[in-house]
Protein backbone atom coordinates (compact mmCIF):
# COMPACT_ATOMS: atom_id res chain seq x y z
CA MET A 1 57.95 -3.37 -2.30
CA ARG A 2 57.20 -5.88 0.16
CA HIS A 3 53.37 -7.14 0.50
CA TRP A 4 52.75 -9.66 2.96
CA ARG A 5 49.81 -11.19 4.45
CA ALA A 6 50.04 -11.03 8.28
CA ALA A 7 48.80 -13.76 9.88
CA ALA A 8 52.25 -15.42 10.47
CA CYS A 9 53.60 -12.28 12.54
CA ILE A 10 51.47 -13.61 15.40
CA ALA A 11 54.77 -15.51 16.25
CA LEU A 12 56.89 -12.59 16.43
CA THR A 13 54.93 -11.56 19.75
CA ALA A 14 56.88 -14.18 21.47
CA ALA A 15 60.17 -12.74 19.62
CA THR A 16 60.00 -9.23 20.74
CA GLY A 17 57.95 -9.17 23.59
CA ALA A 18 55.46 -7.12 22.32
CA MET A 19 52.34 -7.94 23.97
CA PRO A 20 49.63 -5.24 25.11
CA GLY A 21 49.70 -4.37 28.99
CA GLN A 22 52.79 -5.62 30.27
CA ALA A 23 53.85 -2.21 31.58
CA ALA A 24 52.30 1.04 32.53
CA ALA A 25 53.01 4.03 30.68
CA PRO A 26 55.51 6.56 32.62
CA GLU A 27 54.61 9.69 33.74
CA PRO A 28 55.13 12.42 30.80
CA VAL A 29 56.12 15.72 31.22
CA ALA A 30 54.07 18.39 29.75
CA VAL A 31 55.91 20.52 26.92
CA GLN A 32 55.52 23.12 24.17
CA VAL A 33 56.44 22.05 20.59
CA PRO A 34 56.34 24.70 18.15
CA SER A 35 54.98 23.61 14.56
CA LEU A 36 57.28 24.52 11.46
CA ALA A 37 56.56 28.16 10.76
CA ALA A 38 54.57 28.68 7.49
CA GLY A 39 57.02 31.49 6.15
CA GLN A 40 60.47 33.06 7.08
CA GLY A 41 60.13 35.22 9.83
CA ALA A 42 57.41 33.62 11.10
CA THR A 43 56.37 31.89 14.33
CA GLY A 44 55.15 28.32 14.38
CA LEU A 45 52.17 27.85 16.40
CA ALA A 46 52.95 26.45 19.81
CA LEU A 47 51.52 22.92 20.23
CA SER A 48 50.95 20.60 23.17
CA GLY A 49 53.13 17.63 23.83
CA TRP A 50 53.65 14.86 26.07
CA TRP A 51 57.16 14.08 26.59
CA TYR A 52 58.04 10.53 27.84
CA THR A 53 62.15 10.38 28.57
CA ALA A 54 63.25 6.65 28.60
CA GLY A 55 66.33 7.62 31.27
CA ALA A 56 68.81 6.42 29.16
CA ALA A 57 72.61 7.17 29.70
CA ASP A 58 73.55 7.96 26.12
CA PRO A 59 71.54 9.49 23.56
CA ALA A 60 68.78 7.07 22.90
CA PRO A 61 66.29 6.77 19.62
CA ALA A 62 63.01 8.70 19.76
CA VAL A 63 59.61 8.14 18.30
CA LEU A 64 56.97 10.75 17.52
CA LEU A 65 53.29 9.59 17.87
CA LEU A 66 50.74 11.44 15.56
CA HIS A 67 46.96 10.90 16.63
CA GLY A 68 43.79 10.00 14.48
CA CYS A 69 41.13 12.06 13.66
CA GLY A 70 39.52 11.26 17.17
CA GLY A 71 42.30 13.45 18.59
CA MET A 72 45.00 12.54 21.36
CA LEU A 73 43.11 13.34 24.84
CA ASN A 74 40.41 11.63 26.67
CA LYS A 75 37.67 13.51 28.44
CA HIS A 76 40.13 14.06 31.37
CA GLY A 77 42.33 16.02 29.35
CA GLN A 78 45.29 13.41 29.32
CA PRO A 79 46.51 11.27 26.72
CA SER A 80 44.36 8.55 25.53
CA ALA A 81 44.48 4.85 26.63
CA LYS A 82 45.48 3.72 23.05
CA MET A 83 48.41 6.40 23.30
CA ARG A 84 49.47 5.51 26.92
CA GLU A 85 49.49 1.72 25.78
CA TYR A 86 52.13 2.57 22.63
CA VAL A 87 53.66 4.75 25.05
CA ALA A 88 54.61 1.93 27.36
CA LEU A 89 55.27 -0.70 24.47
CA LEU A 90 57.77 1.74 22.89
CA HIS A 91 59.33 3.16 26.36
CA GLN A 92 60.08 -0.46 27.71
CA ARG A 93 62.35 -0.93 24.98
CA GLY A 94 64.83 2.19 26.20
CA TRP A 95 63.08 4.52 23.43
CA HIS A 96 62.14 8.02 24.06
CA VAL A 97 58.43 9.04 22.95
CA LEU A 98 56.63 12.32 22.38
CA ALA A 99 53.06 12.37 21.67
CA LEU A 100 51.82 15.15 19.63
CA ASP A 101 48.32 17.13 19.86
CA SER A 102 47.82 18.75 16.43
CA LEU A 103 44.14 19.83 17.79
CA SER A 104 44.14 21.52 20.97
CA ALA A 105 45.97 24.50 20.05
CA ARG A 106 43.37 24.92 16.80
CA GLY A 107 40.67 24.87 19.17
CA GLY A 108 39.56 21.15 17.97
CA THR A 109 38.66 18.08 19.60
CA GLU A 110 38.03 15.73 16.84
CA LEU A 111 37.92 15.67 13.11
CA CYS A 112 36.40 12.46 12.46
CA THR A 113 32.76 14.18 11.61
CA GLN A 114 33.79 16.48 9.41
CA ARG A 115 33.74 15.73 5.84
CA ILE A 116 36.97 15.66 4.02
CA GLY A 117 37.76 18.92 2.30
CA THR A 118 36.07 20.92 4.81
CA ARG A 119 38.51 19.87 7.82
CA LYS A 120 39.64 22.48 10.12
CA VAL A 121 43.04 21.08 10.43
CA THR A 122 44.41 19.89 7.08
CA GLN A 123 47.30 17.42 6.28
CA ALA A 124 49.41 20.54 5.12
CA GLU A 125 48.93 21.91 8.96
CA ARG A 126 50.04 18.20 10.49
CA ARG A 127 52.77 17.99 8.04
CA ARG A 128 54.37 21.02 9.64
CA ASP A 129 53.72 19.94 12.99
CA ALA A 130 55.37 16.75 12.19
CA LEU A 131 58.41 18.47 10.91
CA GLY A 132 58.42 20.98 13.55
CA ALA A 133 58.43 18.13 16.31
CA LEU A 134 61.37 16.21 14.50
CA GLN A 135 63.38 19.35 14.83
CA TRP A 136 62.21 19.73 18.71
CA LEU A 137 63.31 16.08 18.78
CA ALA A 138 66.33 16.18 17.49
CA ALA A 139 67.32 19.52 19.55
CA GLN A 140 67.20 17.28 23.01
CA PRO A 141 70.42 16.13 24.43
CA GLN A 142 69.27 12.61 25.40
CA VAL A 143 68.01 12.12 22.04
CA ASP A 144 70.32 10.50 19.16
CA ALA A 145 68.89 12.59 16.52
CA ARG A 146 70.39 9.84 13.74
CA ARG A 147 67.48 7.60 14.92
CA LEU A 148 63.92 9.12 14.89
CA ALA A 149 60.73 7.34 13.85
CA LEU A 150 57.01 8.54 12.99
CA LEU A 151 54.05 6.36 14.06
CA GLY A 152 50.71 7.36 13.22
CA TRP A 153 46.92 6.38 13.18
CA SER A 154 44.34 6.89 10.49
CA ASN A 155 44.90 10.54 9.70
CA GLY A 156 47.93 10.87 11.67
CA GLY A 157 49.04 7.65 9.55
CA SER A 158 48.01 10.13 6.67
CA THR A 159 50.33 12.67 8.31
CA VAL A 160 53.22 9.82 8.14
CA LEU A 161 53.00 9.64 4.47
CA ALA A 162 52.46 13.63 4.00
CA THR A 163 55.42 14.21 6.40
CA THR A 164 57.76 11.56 4.39
CA ASN A 165 56.91 12.20 0.52
CA LEU A 166 59.83 13.86 -1.01
CA ALA A 167 57.32 14.87 -3.47
CA HIS A 168 56.63 18.14 -1.38
CA ALA A 169 59.22 20.53 -1.24
CA LEU A 170 59.09 21.30 2.38
CA VAL A 171 59.91 17.47 3.07
CA ARG A 172 63.12 17.79 0.62
CA GLY A 173 64.21 20.88 2.60
CA ALA A 174 63.51 19.83 6.15
CA ASP A 175 66.52 19.67 8.25
CA VAL A 176 65.62 16.55 10.33
CA GLN A 177 64.36 13.34 8.72
CA PRO A 178 63.18 10.31 10.26
CA ARG A 179 64.94 6.86 9.98
CA PHE A 180 62.05 5.14 9.73
CA ALA A 181 57.84 5.23 9.48
CA ALA A 182 54.78 3.46 10.41
CA ALA A 183 51.41 4.11 9.83
CA PHE A 184 48.42 2.30 10.88
CA TYR A 185 45.53 2.28 8.51
CA PRO A 186 46.35 5.38 6.85
CA GLY A 187 44.47 7.21 4.10
CA CYS A 188 47.01 6.51 1.19
CA GLU A 189 45.48 8.00 -1.83
CA ALA A 190 46.18 11.42 -1.63
CA GLU A 191 49.92 10.87 -1.56
CA SER A 192 50.17 7.78 -3.98
CA GLN A 193 48.59 10.27 -6.40
CA ARG A 194 51.12 12.83 -5.66
CA GLY A 195 53.56 10.19 -6.61
CA TYR A 196 54.98 9.01 -3.39
CA ARG A 197 58.55 8.82 -2.68
CA PRO A 198 59.52 8.11 1.08
CA VAL A 199 62.46 9.72 2.93
CA SER A 200 62.71 6.60 4.98
CA ASP A 201 61.48 3.03 5.17
CA THR A 202 57.92 3.16 5.80
CA LEU A 203 55.51 0.33 7.15
CA LEU A 204 51.96 0.27 6.63
CA LEU A 205 49.79 -1.78 8.72
CA VAL A 206 46.07 -2.29 7.06
CA GLY A 207 43.18 -3.98 7.94
CA GLN A 208 41.46 -6.45 4.84
CA LEU A 209 38.01 -5.44 5.84
CA ASP A 210 38.65 -1.40 6.54
CA ASP A 211 35.49 0.66 5.13
CA TRP A 212 37.10 3.83 6.56
CA THR A 213 40.36 4.32 5.07
CA ALA A 214 40.40 1.02 2.46
CA ALA A 215 43.65 -1.08 2.46
CA GLU A 216 43.57 -1.30 -1.31
CA PRO A 217 45.28 2.01 -2.15
CA CYS A 218 47.69 1.25 0.64
CA GLN A 219 48.46 -2.13 -1.23
CA ARG A 220 48.83 -0.55 -4.30
CA LEU A 221 51.10 2.17 -3.37
CA ALA A 222 53.46 -0.50 -2.01
CA ARG A 223 53.16 -2.54 -5.23
CA ASP A 224 53.47 0.10 -7.56
CA GLY A 225 55.67 2.48 -5.91
CA PRO A 226 59.14 2.20 -4.42
CA PRO A 227 60.80 -0.73 -2.44
CA ARG A 228 61.02 1.32 0.95
CA VAL A 229 57.52 0.73 1.45
CA THR A 230 56.21 -2.65 3.30
CA VAL A 231 52.43 -3.19 3.77
CA LEU A 232 51.01 -5.61 6.30
CA THR A 233 47.52 -6.71 5.42
CA TYR A 234 45.53 -8.05 8.27
CA GLU A 235 42.77 -10.51 7.43
CA GLY A 236 39.42 -10.01 8.96
CA ALA A 237 40.37 -6.89 10.59
CA TYR A 238 38.70 -3.49 10.23
CA HIS A 239 39.93 0.23 11.26
CA GLY A 240 40.94 0.36 14.38
CA PHE A 241 41.88 -3.45 14.61
CA ASP A 242 45.12 -2.93 17.13
CA GLY A 243 42.79 -1.47 19.78
CA SER A 244 40.94 -3.37 22.39
CA ALA A 245 36.83 -2.13 21.95
CA PRO A 246 34.71 -4.37 20.25
CA LEU A 247 33.46 -3.74 16.88
CA ARG A 248 30.73 -1.22 16.19
CA LEU A 249 29.09 0.90 13.48
CA ARG A 250 29.96 4.58 13.17
CA SER A 251 27.03 6.35 11.61
CA ASP A 252 28.52 9.69 12.47
CA VAL A 253 31.35 9.67 10.21
CA PRO A 254 30.41 10.98 6.58
CA ASN A 255 33.56 9.80 5.02
CA GLY A 256 34.81 6.42 4.64
CA VAL A 257 34.42 3.75 1.51
CA HIS A 258 30.53 4.04 1.20
CA PRO A 259 29.89 7.68 2.09
CA GLY A 260 27.02 8.39 4.32
CA GLN A 261 26.67 4.93 5.44
CA GLY A 262 28.83 4.89 8.33
CA VAL A 263 31.95 3.03 9.02
CA HIS A 264 32.92 0.04 11.32
CA VAL A 265 35.84 0.31 14.11
CA GLY A 266 37.07 -2.21 16.34
CA GLY A 267 39.70 -4.04 17.80
CA GLN A 268 40.85 -7.83 16.17
CA PRO A 269 42.99 -9.80 18.71
CA ALA A 270 44.85 -11.22 16.49
CA ALA A 271 45.65 -8.40 14.29
CA ARG A 272 46.43 -6.33 17.44
CA ALA A 273 49.25 -8.70 18.76
CA ALA A 274 50.72 -9.39 15.24
CA SER A 275 50.66 -5.64 14.25
CA GLN A 276 52.15 -4.54 17.18
CA ALA A 277 54.78 -7.19 17.09
CA ALA A 278 55.45 -6.49 13.67
CA LEU A 279 56.12 -2.80 14.64
CA VAL A 280 58.39 -3.15 17.26
CA GLN A 281 60.36 -5.82 15.27
CA ALA A 282 60.87 -3.33 12.33
CA LEU A 283 61.90 -0.44 14.77
CA GLN A 284 64.26 -2.62 16.53
CA ALA A 285 65.66 -3.54 13.13
CA ALA A 286 65.46 0.52 11.80
CA PHE A 287 67.44 1.67 15.10
CA ALA A 288 70.40 -0.88 14.86
CA LYS A 289 71.30 0.36 11.69
CA PRO A 290 74.81 2.31 12.02
């Protein structure tokens, strides 16, 4: 277990070049990605994906992006500004990127206002989505199937944990496994209670003041769990700290640390820069391994 306070990570920005907005996201190709089938002989649900190829001559690493409860798309039906920002951040390093939409094919647009336990798209479904997408990536000739990574935010960060936890038989039996996984402000309680045993090195990036998905369960998971989990805690940061929107109270969210009282969401510039730099550095280190 590695448990760091992250203020010092800001210096990594210069070392990695991980400042936001350096390059525009490339144009994607719309693809259909099958979720992992629920049973023998069944057909997996066809999900919408946005495929950004790196254009490398040799097979290159690929990163699978898993959106949060707000969904993948903006009001124009295109990947959100945040997704495009991360695509650019990763793509400029020569990595392929697949952004996966788990909601549209199921008739949904968001989960944030739905109470946990009544949500129309479950973590079990999203785990199948992610495992199916990993298989899809591994089958692409331009992808190095030995160098795949998961990256998720909030509900998608929880999916990262659900997809990498060897406590699940589906994960243990998966044909394709990621080399590395990272999750921004995930809900850690559920997989921690299941006895989280990661299939890969896993990086958790959490906000100290997060009152939606609290930092403490993730810190406890890293402290008491296997050594392959690293948690970075960003002081003074709330949920969504890696964004650029101002801090606001979302009273329409029924979940959180204080149910019924709303949750705070908003960017924090220092945490944003430091977390993106730490993410890039961790991915570079993971992909550099033989």
